[in-house]
Every structure is written in structure tokens, then in C-alpha cells.
Amino acid sequence: MWHSIKKYLLNNRMNRNGIKILLAGRNTLCHPKQVVPFQDYRQHTPAAFNISVPIRAIQKVEAFDKQRCITVHWEDGSHSQYPYVWLRDNCQCPQCFLSSAKARKLSIEDLDVNIYAEKVTLTDSKISVVWPDQHLSEFDSNWLKIRRFAQSARKEKQEQLFLRDQQNWGSQLQIPTVNFEEVLDNDEVAYQWLRNLRQTGIVRLKHAPAEKGQVAKLGKRIGYLRLTFYGLTWQVEDKIDASNVAYTSGKLSFHTDYSALQHPPGLQLLHCIKPADVGGETIIVDGFHVANQLRQVNPEAFRLLTSVLVDYTDMGVDSYDFSLQSKQRIIDLDHNGKVVQINFNNATRDSVFDIPVELVHPFLSALKDYVDLMYKPENIVSFKMEAGDILTFDNWRILHGRRAYISAAGSARHLEGAYADWDEAMSRLRCLEQALYGNE
């Protein structure tokens, strides 16, 4: 149990250079626990979980009017700063925050950006702030700890939210493999499936029924599938008057799907219902890994592929008639210069090219260098899908293709495919993580 808490409260606001200090007693031998119940949120989740979350103890709080912030000193010896304006902006009371939707109700036009704290009160696990208009805001210590502004704390939280620490690979990759039915029925297996999918970029699901409809089940497991002009699901077969080069028996070079959409699908699901008797092997490559190789061996080529906008087009009739145009960089970077998306489909790269004529040769040379790196043996993984295999992979990262196959009546290769987006997959991953492990 906690010792009695001794508090020093400042009842009157000090001058702008004043410091308000509040101390709380602590027990160094044990941390009190909060039991947080998690109710059933979907059909595949167990009925309830009881998660014990340790309370992060606050040792001392200092309020600095001149800097317009409070400093929280934690029991472990670290400290964190929280600006007054941020605290007021994030008041958790029912007037300012809709708890059921986890959404802010306080509008930015009603926020006083120069606000100061009239009074600060500390208990063992909560800080209370009274503002000049006598509005009361209360902040739980766990809530504050998670939202620290220190660079290391922000990096840790961003990694938890987005799983950006992805593992690059080459030809030695052993594709993570799980059982299809376990993904549908077991939350821990589903969580590991999505986590591996995010970190490695590809996971193979085994032993699905060799019949249509299985990718739709995976879509429901995530949330829902993405509808495109090819339908909610689509059949990859050798077809007469094919609306896509994938619907032939020929070789498919490395590509990402649907670059002709301005926002290509983030995930692809491919279910092998009937493999080809001869040929049809799948090939994959980690586009991020190869892009980073290009950055090292040919910086100018990398610069061109990360700066030039390429025109893509796709026209035809499938589930719907379509006429698509988009502009994409072959390699997209985030604000830190990290590779985050590959957009490359040579079949739909438009002959219309909106760049100065003198850039055409340098650009195509750069693109050729990138693709040549993809086809180096040390970068390629090749395998033949079996009936009941479902490949789930990151369409923003993994370039895939296939070798030509012999198409014969009665033994034709048949895959069923579908798309989903990372927003839905990451949402499901976070919901599963919260339900299973109680991460906030």
C-alpha cells in the first residue's frame, strides 16, 4: 500500500517567474495496480480480459508560469514537461472530451493559447489543474506518462502505434507461415499474423479450403475489403480478352498492384485454389531493401526515382468500366527520408510522361538500375504456391511477379485475390493488442 501522501499546495497564483512545487509520498517496494476490464468487441475476441496496469507514480510536480508548463518528476528519477496550453487543449472532462468516442469536444477557436494554471493539485496518481475561469482538468499519471514529449518517449510511442521498425530481407527469407483457420479463430495468432505482416511485409497462410470465398473471410477478420474496379474479389485465371495482364498465362515482371490509382491498396491477399501443373512460380522482392541498396550504389538514380512523378493509366472493363490516371513517384519517402512506399507497375506506366525531354533518358536509366537490382539472385525469393495457400503481403513494399505457365483445359491455374488497406489492418492489430495485452 502507499504511504500517506503529503501535499504542498499553492492556493494563490504566484508571479510569472514563480515556481509551484507539489510533492507526493511514495512506496518504493510496490506499485499499486489498476484493473482495467476489456469487453468483447467482435465475434472472434474472447468475452473479456482483466489487465493489470501499474500506476506510474509521480514524485513531484513543478509549475513554471514563465515557461507556461508544468514539470512532472517521476518515481524512476526521470521528468517530463507539459505545456499549459496542451493540458488545456486535452482536458478529459465530459465538457471537453467525448469519452465514448475518444474524441475532443473543445474547439480550437475556444482555446486560449496563452492560458496559465490558477492552481495545481497533486495526488498519488493524478494531477488536477484549475484554470483562470475555474474550469477543472484532471490528468491520470499513466495517461501523462504515455504522452511524454521527450524524443525517446515519442519515438517509442510512434513505434508502438505504427510499427515502423520493419525488417528488410533478401533471398534468405523464410516466409512467416501460419494456419489459416487459426488466424480466423484465435486472436493471438491473428495478432502475430498482422504484426509479422507489418514487419516483414509478407505472411503465408496454409491449409485454407481450396475454394472461392476464403479471402473474403480474411477481409472480415481485418474489418472489410477494398472495392476496386475489378470487384471486391477477383479471379486470376487465363482469360480471353483479358482486362489485365495478370489474367494471362505469360510471365509477370516485378510490380506493385494498382499504381494507376492515386492511392493504391496497401495490402493484397492471393489465394491459390488451383496451382499450375507446369510453371507459374511466384517471385517476390523487398522493394524497400532494394531501394536502400540503390541509394548506396547510385544516389543520383535514387534521387530521380524519389522526385520524378510518373504517369500511370489503366482503361478497360471488368466489374465496372474504368479509365484511370495517376501520378506517382516510383519510391516515396517520409519526412525523415525513410522509404515508405513503392509505386511501380510497368504494364500500366503511361506513354504520356509529364517531364522535360532531357530528363527522359536519365529517368529510364535510373529505373532500369533499380529493376536490375531487384533481379539480383541475392534479392529474389521464388516458390510455387500450393492449393490452399494464401499469400498476404504489403502492396506498398513487396513487388511480386510470376513465371509463365502452361494453361490447359481442365487444369488451369486459378487464384482468387482481394485488396485491403493498412488503415483497417493496423486498426485491427491495435484492437487485438489492446484486448490481449492491455497496451494503451
Protein backbone atom coordinates (compact mmCIF):
# COMPACT_ATOMS: atom_id res chain seq x y z
CA MET A 1 0.00 0.00 0.00
CA TRP A 2 1.01 3.58 -0.49
CA HIS A 3 2.21 5.66 2.41
CA SER A 4 0.12 8.68 3.31
CA ILE A 5 0.60 11.41 0.76
CA LYS A 6 1.96 14.71 1.90
CA LYS A 7 0.98 17.58 -0.40
CA TYR A 8 2.18 21.14 -0.56
CA LEU A 9 -0.45 23.15 -2.38
CA LEU A 10 -0.13 26.63 -3.75
CA ASN A 11 -3.57 28.23 -3.39
CA ASN A 12 -2.74 31.58 -4.93
CA ARG A 13 -1.09 32.09 -8.27
CA MET A 14 2.49 33.34 -7.97
CA ASN A 15 4.13 35.85 -10.25
CA ARG A 16 5.21 34.88 -13.73
CA ASN A 17 8.69 33.84 -12.53
CA GLY A 18 7.34 31.81 -9.63
CA ILE A 19 7.60 28.05 -9.27
CA LYS A 20 4.85 25.92 -7.72
CA ILE A 21 6.16 22.65 -6.24
CA LEU A 22 3.97 19.75 -5.11
CA LEU A 23 5.33 16.58 -3.53
CA ALA A 24 3.72 13.16 -3.20
CA GLY A 25 4.78 10.35 -0.90
CA ARG A 26 5.81 7.02 -2.48
CA ASN A 27 6.32 3.40 -1.64
CA THR A 28 9.50 2.08 -3.21
CA LEU A 29 8.60 -1.55 -2.57
CA CYS A 30 5.44 -1.96 -4.62
CA HIS A 31 3.31 -0.31 -7.28
CA PRO A 32 -0.46 -0.27 -6.83
CA LYS A 33 -2.41 -1.79 -9.71
CA GLN A 34 -5.44 -0.68 -11.65
CA VAL A 35 -7.65 -3.44 -13.05
CA VAL A 36 -8.97 -2.41 -16.45
CA PRO A 37 -11.73 -4.60 -17.96
CA PHE A 38 -11.94 -5.07 -21.71
CA GLN A 39 -15.29 -6.22 -23.05
CA ASP A 40 -15.90 -8.36 -26.12
CA TYR A 41 -15.60 -6.12 -29.19
CA ARG A 42 -16.01 -8.60 -32.04
CA GLN A 43 -17.02 -12.17 -32.66
CA HIS A 44 -13.50 -13.64 -32.63
CA THR A 45 -12.41 -11.97 -29.38
CA PRO A 46 -12.76 -13.75 -26.02
CA ALA A 47 -15.56 -12.40 -23.84
CA ALA A 48 -13.44 -10.26 -21.54
CA PHE A 49 -9.93 -9.60 -20.31
CA ASN A 50 -8.71 -8.29 -16.96
CA ILE A 51 -5.50 -6.37 -17.45
CA SER A 52 -3.41 -5.20 -14.52
CA VAL A 53 -1.80 -1.87 -15.37
CA PRO A 54 0.82 -0.48 -12.96
CA ILE A 55 0.26 3.12 -11.91
CA ARG A 56 3.18 5.38 -12.84
CA ALA A 57 3.92 7.23 -9.62
CA ILE A 58 4.62 10.95 -9.59
CA GLN A 59 7.19 12.11 -7.08
CA LYS A 60 6.93 15.86 -7.56
CA VAL A 61 5.32 18.48 -9.79
CA GLU A 62 6.68 21.94 -10.57
CA ALA A 63 4.57 24.59 -12.30
CA PHE A 64 6.54 27.23 -14.22
CA ASP A 65 4.45 30.24 -15.19
CA LYS A 66 7.24 31.89 -17.17
CA GLN A 67 7.70 28.80 -19.37
CA ARG A 68 3.93 28.16 -19.28
CA CYS A 69 4.33 24.49 -18.40
CA ILE A 70 4.41 22.00 -15.57
CA THR A 71 7.28 19.60 -14.97
CA VAL A 72 6.43 16.16 -13.64
CA HIS A 73 9.15 14.30 -11.75
CA TRP A 74 8.56 10.57 -11.93
CA GLU A 75 9.40 7.99 -9.31
CA ASP A 76 12.09 6.47 -11.55
CA GLY A 77 14.02 9.77 -11.49
CA SER A 78 13.01 10.98 -14.95
CA HIS A 79 10.99 14.12 -15.58
CA SER A 80 8.59 15.39 -18.27
CA GLN A 81 7.34 18.81 -19.32
CA TYR A 82 3.74 19.53 -20.32
CA PRO A 83 2.77 22.96 -21.70
CA TYR A 84 -0.24 24.65 -20.11
CA VAL A 85 -1.89 25.11 -23.49
CA TRP A 86 -1.50 21.41 -24.31
CA LEU A 87 -3.03 20.42 -20.97
CA ARG A 88 -5.99 22.70 -21.52
CA ASP A 89 -6.37 21.51 -25.14
CA ASN A 90 -6.51 17.92 -23.87
CA CYS A 91 -8.80 18.29 -20.88
CA GLN A 92 -10.52 14.94 -20.33
CA CYS A 93 -13.68 16.21 -18.62
CA PRO A 94 -17.10 15.42 -20.22
CA GLN A 95 -17.48 19.05 -21.31
CA CYS A 96 -14.24 18.94 -23.32
CA PHE A 97 -13.93 15.28 -24.29
CA LEU A 98 -16.37 12.63 -25.52
CA SER A 99 -15.06 9.54 -23.78
CA SER A 100 -17.28 7.08 -25.68
CA ALA A 101 -15.75 8.22 -28.99
CA LYS A 102 -12.29 9.12 -27.61
CA ALA A 103 -12.74 12.49 -29.33
CA ARG A 104 -12.06 16.10 -28.36
CA LYS A 105 -15.13 18.32 -27.99
CA LEU A 106 -13.23 21.50 -27.13
CA SER A 107 -12.93 23.56 -30.33
CA ILE A 108 -9.67 25.25 -31.22
CA GLU A 109 -11.42 28.62 -31.54
CA ASP A 110 -12.32 28.40 -27.84
CA LEU A 111 -8.77 27.59 -26.77
CA ASP A 112 -6.77 30.34 -25.06
CA VAL A 113 -3.24 29.68 -26.29
CA ASN A 114 -1.79 31.99 -23.61
CA ILE A 115 -3.56 30.28 -20.72
CA TYR A 116 -1.89 29.73 -17.35
CA ALA A 117 -2.71 27.46 -14.42
CA GLU A 118 -4.50 29.08 -11.49
CA LYS A 119 -3.97 26.09 -9.20
CA VAL A 120 -2.28 22.70 -9.47
CA THR A 121 -3.05 19.80 -7.12
CA LEU A 122 -1.18 16.50 -6.91
CA THR A 123 -2.36 13.14 -5.58
CA ASP A 124 -0.64 9.78 -5.86
CA SER A 125 -1.81 9.08 -9.41
CA LYS A 126 -3.48 12.25 -10.67
CA ILE A 127 -2.79 15.92 -11.32
CA SER A 128 -5.65 18.40 -11.13
CA VAL A 129 -5.43 21.85 -12.74
CA VAL A 130 -7.79 24.75 -12.08
CA TRP A 131 -7.76 27.32 -14.89
CA PRO A 132 -8.46 31.08 -14.50
CA ASP A 133 -12.14 30.57 -15.44
CA GLN A 134 -12.32 27.91 -12.67
CA HIS A 135 -12.60 25.07 -15.16
CA LEU A 136 -11.10 21.88 -13.69
CA SER A 137 -8.93 19.46 -15.68
CA GLU A 138 -7.69 16.17 -14.26
CA PHE A 139 -4.88 14.06 -15.70
CA ASP A 140 -4.08 10.47 -14.75
CA SER A 141 -0.39 9.72 -14.26
CA ASN A 142 -0.48 6.78 -16.71
CA TRP A 143 -2.10 8.99 -19.34
CA LEU A 144 0.59 11.64 -18.86
CA LYS A 145 3.45 9.14 -18.89
CA ILE A 146 2.39 7.74 -22.26
CA ARG A 147 2.27 11.26 -23.73
CA ARG A 148 5.74 12.49 -22.73
CA PHE A 149 7.36 14.92 -25.16
CA ALA A 150 10.94 13.66 -24.81
CA GLN A 151 12.29 12.44 -28.14
CA SER A 152 12.91 8.90 -26.90
CA ALA A 153 9.40 8.68 -25.45
CA ARG A 154 7.81 10.00 -28.65
CA LYS A 155 9.82 7.54 -30.74
CA GLU A 156 8.76 4.65 -28.51
CA LYS A 157 5.09 5.61 -28.76
CA GLN A 158 5.21 6.09 -32.53
CA GLU A 159 6.79 2.67 -32.93
CA GLN A 160 4.02 1.14 -30.83
CA LEU A 161 1.33 2.91 -32.87
CA PHE A 162 2.71 2.33 -36.37
CA LEU A 163 5.32 -0.49 -36.13
CA ARG A 164 7.76 1.37 -38.35
CA ASP A 165 10.77 -0.78 -37.45
CA GLN A 166 10.43 -3.06 -40.46
CA GLN A 167 12.85 -5.90 -41.19
CA ASN A 168 14.41 -5.83 -44.65
CA TRP A 169 15.30 -9.11 -46.33
CA GLY A 170 16.81 -10.80 -49.36
CA SER A 171 16.82 -14.30 -50.85
CA GLN A 172 17.41 -15.97 -47.46
CA LEU A 173 13.95 -15.00 -46.22
CA GLN A 174 11.95 -17.79 -44.61
CA ILE A 175 8.42 -16.54 -45.21
CA PRO A 176 6.47 -16.43 -41.91
CA THR A 177 3.75 -19.08 -42.10
CA VAL A 178 0.60 -19.59 -40.01
CA ASN A 179 -2.54 -21.72 -40.20
CA PHE A 180 -5.46 -20.06 -41.97
CA GLU A 181 -8.18 -21.32 -39.60
CA GLU A 182 -6.16 -20.25 -36.55
CA VAL A 183 -5.97 -16.72 -37.92
CA LEU A 184 -9.75 -16.69 -38.14
CA ASP A 185 -10.41 -18.24 -34.73
CA ASN A 186 -7.51 -17.30 -32.44
CA ASP A 187 -6.85 -13.68 -31.52
CA GLU A 188 -3.21 -14.24 -30.54
CA VAL A 189 -2.48 -15.91 -33.90
CA ALA A 190 -4.32 -13.12 -35.74
CA TYR A 191 -2.29 -10.52 -33.83
CA GLN A 192 1.00 -12.22 -34.72
CA TRP A 193 -0.12 -12.56 -38.35
CA LEU A 194 -0.72 -8.81 -38.66
CA ARG A 195 2.40 -7.91 -36.72
CA ASN A 196 4.58 -10.14 -38.93
CA LEU A 197 2.83 -8.76 -41.99
CA ARG A 198 3.74 -5.23 -40.92
CA GLN A 199 7.35 -6.01 -40.03
CA THR A 200 8.32 -8.50 -42.75
CA GLY A 201 5.86 -7.47 -45.43
CA ILE A 202 4.60 -10.95 -46.25
CA VAL A 203 2.98 -13.89 -44.44
CA ARG A 204 1.81 -17.18 -45.94
CA LEU A 205 -1.39 -18.76 -44.59
CA LYS A 206 -1.65 -22.52 -45.03
CA HIS A 207 -4.49 -25.03 -45.30
CA ALA A 208 -7.30 -22.77 -46.44
CA PRO A 209 -10.11 -24.62 -48.26
CA ALA A 210 -9.32 -24.78 -51.98
CA GLU A 211 -12.47 -22.93 -52.95
CA LYS A 212 -13.56 -19.37 -53.51
CA GLY A 213 -14.61 -17.17 -50.59
CA GLN A 214 -11.60 -17.54 -48.29
CA VAL A 215 -10.08 -14.09 -48.92
CA ALA A 216 -13.48 -12.61 -48.06
CA LYS A 217 -13.22 -14.32 -44.65
CA LEU A 218 -9.83 -12.72 -44.10
CA GLY A 219 -11.34 -9.38 -45.08
CA LYS A 220 -13.92 -9.75 -42.32
CA ARG A 221 -11.17 -10.71 -39.88
CA ILE A 222 -9.42 -7.42 -40.64
CA GLY A 223 -12.60 -5.38 -40.95
CA TYR A 224 -13.52 -5.20 -44.61
CA LEU A 225 -12.02 -5.50 -48.09
CA ARG A 226 -11.38 -2.66 -50.51
CA LEU A 227 -13.69 -2.45 -53.51
CA THR A 228 -11.98 -1.68 -56.84
CA PHE A 229 -12.98 -1.73 -60.49
CA TYR A 230 -12.13 -5.45 -60.51
CA GLY A 231 -14.71 -6.13 -57.81
CA LEU A 232 -14.47 -6.92 -54.10
CA THR A 233 -12.66 -10.13 -55.01
CA TRP A 234 -11.29 -11.16 -58.39
CA GLN A 235 -10.25 -14.33 -60.18
CA VAL A 236 -6.70 -14.64 -61.56
CA GLU A 237 -7.06 -17.02 -64.50
CA ASP A 238 -6.04 -17.23 -68.13
CA LYS A 239 -8.90 -15.37 -69.81
CA ILE A 240 -9.81 -14.46 -73.38
CA ASP A 241 -9.75 -10.69 -73.96
CA ALA A 242 -8.15 -10.22 -70.53
CA SER A 243 -8.75 -6.90 -68.79
CA ASN A 244 -5.38 -7.23 -67.01
CA VAL A 245 -2.05 -8.78 -67.96
CA ALA A 246 -2.32 -10.94 -64.82
CA TYR A 247 -5.27 -12.69 -66.50
CA THR A 248 -2.95 -14.39 -68.99
CA SER A 249 -0.51 -17.29 -68.72
CA GLY A 250 2.55 -15.23 -69.52
CA LYS A 251 5.40 -14.06 -67.32
CA LEU A 252 4.67 -11.21 -64.93
CA SER A 253 7.60 -8.97 -64.08
CA PHE A 254 8.06 -7.48 -60.62
CA HIS A 255 5.36 -4.94 -59.86
CA THR A 256 3.12 -3.45 -57.22
CA ASP A 257 -0.60 -3.55 -57.93
CA TYR A 258 -2.82 -0.68 -58.98
CA SER A 259 -0.30 2.15 -59.38
CA ALA A 260 -2.92 3.74 -61.63
CA LEU A 261 -4.94 4.55 -58.52
CA GLN A 262 -3.78 7.69 -56.77
CA HIS A 263 -3.98 5.74 -53.51
CA PRO A 264 -3.03 2.12 -54.29
CA PRO A 265 -4.26 -0.60 -51.90
CA GLY A 266 -1.91 -1.25 -49.00
CA LEU A 267 -2.48 -4.99 -48.73
CA GLN A 268 -3.02 -7.81 -51.18
CA LEU A 269 -4.49 -11.25 -50.47
CA LEU A 270 -3.90 -14.04 -53.02
CA HIS A 271 -5.46 -17.48 -52.51
CA CYS A 272 -4.22 -20.41 -54.59
CA ILE A 273 -7.24 -22.56 -55.47
CA LYS A 274 -5.51 -24.49 -58.24
CA PRO A 275 -1.76 -24.22 -58.99
CA ALA A 276 -0.40 -24.61 -62.49
CA ASP A 277 0.83 -28.09 -63.36
CA VAL A 278 3.84 -26.62 -65.14
CA GLY A 279 5.34 -23.20 -64.29
CA GLY A 280 3.59 -20.34 -62.53
CA GLU A 281 6.13 -19.98 -59.71
CA THR A 282 5.71 -16.84 -57.60
CA ILE A 283 8.64 -14.42 -57.23
CA ILE A 284 8.86 -11.67 -54.62
CA VAL A 285 11.35 -8.99 -53.66
CA ASP A 286 11.56 -6.49 -50.80
CA GLY A 287 11.23 -3.14 -52.58
CA PHE A 288 12.40 -1.20 -49.52
CA HIS A 289 15.55 -3.30 -49.21
CA VAL A 290 16.44 -2.85 -52.87
CA ALA A 291 15.63 0.88 -52.78
CA ASN A 292 18.12 1.29 -49.95
CA GLN A 293 20.69 -0.64 -51.99
CA LEU A 294 20.09 1.77 -54.87
CA ARG A 295 20.55 4.72 -52.51
CA GLN A 296 24.02 3.40 -51.68
CA VAL A 297 25.26 2.35 -55.13
CA ASN A 298 23.62 5.04 -57.29
CA PRO A 299 22.50 8.11 -55.29
CA GLU A 300 21.54 10.04 -58.44
CA ALA A 301 19.24 7.25 -59.64
CA PHE A 302 17.68 7.14 -56.18
CA ARG A 303 17.16 10.91 -56.28
CA LEU A 304 15.38 10.71 -59.63
CA LEU A 305 13.09 7.87 -58.59
CA THR A 306 12.14 9.71 -55.39
CA SER A 307 11.44 13.03 -57.11
CA VAL A 308 10.04 12.47 -60.63
CA LEU A 309 6.28 11.97 -60.90
CA VAL A 310 5.39 9.12 -63.26
CA ASP A 311 2.09 8.98 -65.16
CA TYR A 312 0.09 5.75 -64.87
CA THR A 313 -3.03 4.77 -66.81
CA ASP A 314 -5.47 1.88 -66.77
CA MET A 315 -8.51 1.57 -69.06
CA GLY A 316 -10.97 -1.20 -69.73
CA VAL A 317 -13.99 -3.09 -68.47
CA ASP A 318 -14.14 -5.63 -65.66
CA SER A 319 -16.69 -5.48 -62.85
CA TYR A 320 -17.07 -1.86 -63.95
CA ASP A 321 -15.78 0.17 -66.85
CA PHE A 322 -12.79 2.30 -65.85
CA SER A 323 -10.41 4.96 -67.11
CA LEU A 324 -7.77 5.74 -64.52
CA GLN A 325 -4.92 8.25 -64.42
CA SER A 326 -2.49 8.87 -61.57
CA LYS A 327 0.89 10.44 -60.90
CA GLN A 328 3.26 8.55 -58.61
CA ARG A 329 6.88 8.59 -57.54
CA ILE A 330 8.46 5.18 -58.00
CA ILE A 331 9.92 5.46 -54.48
CA ASP A 332 8.12 7.50 -51.82
CA LEU A 333 9.96 8.81 -48.76
CA ASP A 334 8.68 10.14 -45.46
CA HIS A 335 9.83 13.42 -43.86
CA ASN A 336 12.90 11.63 -42.43
CA GLY A 337 13.99 10.26 -45.80
CA LYS A 338 12.86 6.70 -45.00
CA VAL A 339 11.40 4.61 -47.83
CA VAL A 340 7.67 4.13 -47.14
CA GLN A 341 6.07 3.13 -50.45
CA ILE A 342 6.95 1.69 -53.85
CA ASN A 343 4.71 2.51 -56.85
CA PHE A 344 5.86 0.52 -59.86
CA ASN A 345 3.84 -1.32 -62.48
CA ASN A 346 5.47 -1.33 -65.87
CA ALA A 347 2.31 -2.61 -67.59
CA THR A 348 0.32 0.50 -66.68
CA ARG A 349 3.15 3.07 -66.86
CA ASP A 350 1.76 5.61 -69.33
CA SER A 351 3.43 6.63 -72.59
CA VAL A 352 2.36 10.13 -71.57
CA PHE A 353 5.25 11.40 -69.47
CA ASP A 354 4.99 14.85 -67.92
CA ILE A 355 8.71 15.74 -67.65
CA PRO A 356 11.21 17.78 -69.70
CA VAL A 357 12.58 15.80 -72.63
CA GLU A 358 16.14 15.96 -71.32
CA LEU A 359 15.10 14.02 -68.19
CA VAL A 360 13.61 11.06 -70.06
CA HIS A 361 16.86 9.15 -70.62
CA PRO A 362 18.27 9.76 -67.10
CA PHE A 363 14.98 8.69 -65.54
CA LEU A 364 14.61 5.48 -67.55
CA SER A 365 18.25 4.64 -66.85
CA ALA A 366 17.61 5.12 -63.12
CA LEU A 367 14.50 2.93 -63.28
CA LYS A 368 16.42 0.22 -65.16
CA ASP A 369 19.13 0.28 -62.48
CA TYR A 370 16.51 -0.18 -59.75
CA VAL A 371 14.82 -3.09 -61.54
CA ASP A 372 18.18 -4.73 -62.32
CA LEU A 373 18.93 -4.70 -58.60
CA MET A 374 15.58 -6.40 -57.92
CA TYR A 375 16.55 -9.31 -60.17
CA LYS A 376 19.88 -9.99 -58.49
CA PRO A 377 19.71 -13.57 -57.11
CA GLU A 378 20.54 -12.39 -53.60
CA ASN A 379 17.33 -10.31 -53.55
CA ILE A 380 14.75 -12.72 -55.03
CA VAL A 381 12.60 -15.29 -53.22
CA SER A 382 10.94 -17.83 -55.55
CA PHE A 383 8.44 -20.56 -54.67
CA LYS A 384 5.39 -22.33 -56.01
CA MET A 385 2.08 -21.80 -54.24
CA GLU A 386 0.13 -24.91 -53.28
CA ALA A 387 -3.64 -25.33 -53.23
CA GLY A 388 -4.90 -23.76 -50.00
CA ASP A 389 -2.05 -21.24 -49.68
CA ILE A 390 -2.98 -17.60 -49.15
CA LEU A 391 -0.25 -15.03 -49.61
CA THR A 392 -0.88 -11.85 -47.64
CA PHE A 393 1.57 -9.08 -48.41
CA ASP A 394 2.29 -5.37 -48.24
CA ASN A 395 1.48 -3.95 -51.68
CA TRP A 396 3.34 -0.73 -50.84
CA ARG A 397 6.55 -2.65 -50.22
CA ILE A 398 6.65 -6.12 -51.79
CA LEU A 399 6.98 -6.35 -55.55
CA HIS A 400 5.64 -9.63 -56.84
CA GLY A 401 5.57 -11.47 -60.17
CA ARG A 402 5.29 -14.95 -61.60
CA ARG A 403 6.92 -17.16 -64.14
CA ALA A 404 4.97 -18.18 -67.24
CA TYR A 405 2.88 -21.32 -67.02
CA ILE A 406 1.18 -23.76 -69.36
CA SER A 407 -2.55 -23.22 -69.45
CA ALA A 408 -4.54 -26.32 -70.37
CA ALA A 409 -8.25 -27.05 -70.31
CA GLY A 410 -9.28 -28.76 -67.08
CA SER A 411 -6.03 -27.94 -65.28
CA ALA A 412 -5.86 -24.15 -65.48
CA ARG A 413 -4.18 -22.17 -62.73
CA HIS A 414 -6.71 -20.33 -60.53
CA LEU A 415 -6.07 -17.76 -57.81
CA GLU A 416 -8.63 -15.58 -56.04
CA GLY A 417 -7.44 -12.15 -54.97
CA ALA A 418 -8.59 -9.20 -52.92
CA TYR A 419 -7.27 -5.92 -51.56
CA ALA A 420 -7.41 -4.29 -48.15
CA ASP A 421 -5.82 -1.16 -46.74
CA TRP A 422 -3.29 -0.61 -43.99
CA ASP A 423 -5.66 1.65 -42.06
CA GLU A 424 -8.02 -1.26 -41.47
CA ALA A 425 -5.25 -3.80 -40.82
CA MET A 426 -3.46 -1.55 -38.32
CA SER A 427 -6.77 -0.77 -36.64
CA ARG A 428 -7.43 -4.49 -36.14
CA LEU A 429 -3.87 -5.02 -34.90
CA ARG A 430 -4.25 -2.26 -32.29
CA CYS A 431 -7.66 -3.57 -31.18
CA LEU A 432 -6.22 -7.05 -30.76
CA GLU A 433 -3.21 -5.71 -28.88
CA GLN A 434 -5.44 -3.73 -26.54
CA ALA A 435 -7.70 -6.70 -25.90
CA LEU A 436 -4.88 -9.23 -25.43
CA TYR A 437 -2.23 -7.18 -23.66
CA GLY A 438 -3.89 -4.00 -22.44
CA ASN A 439 -1.47 -1.65 -24.19
CA GLU A 440 -2.75 1.93 -24.03
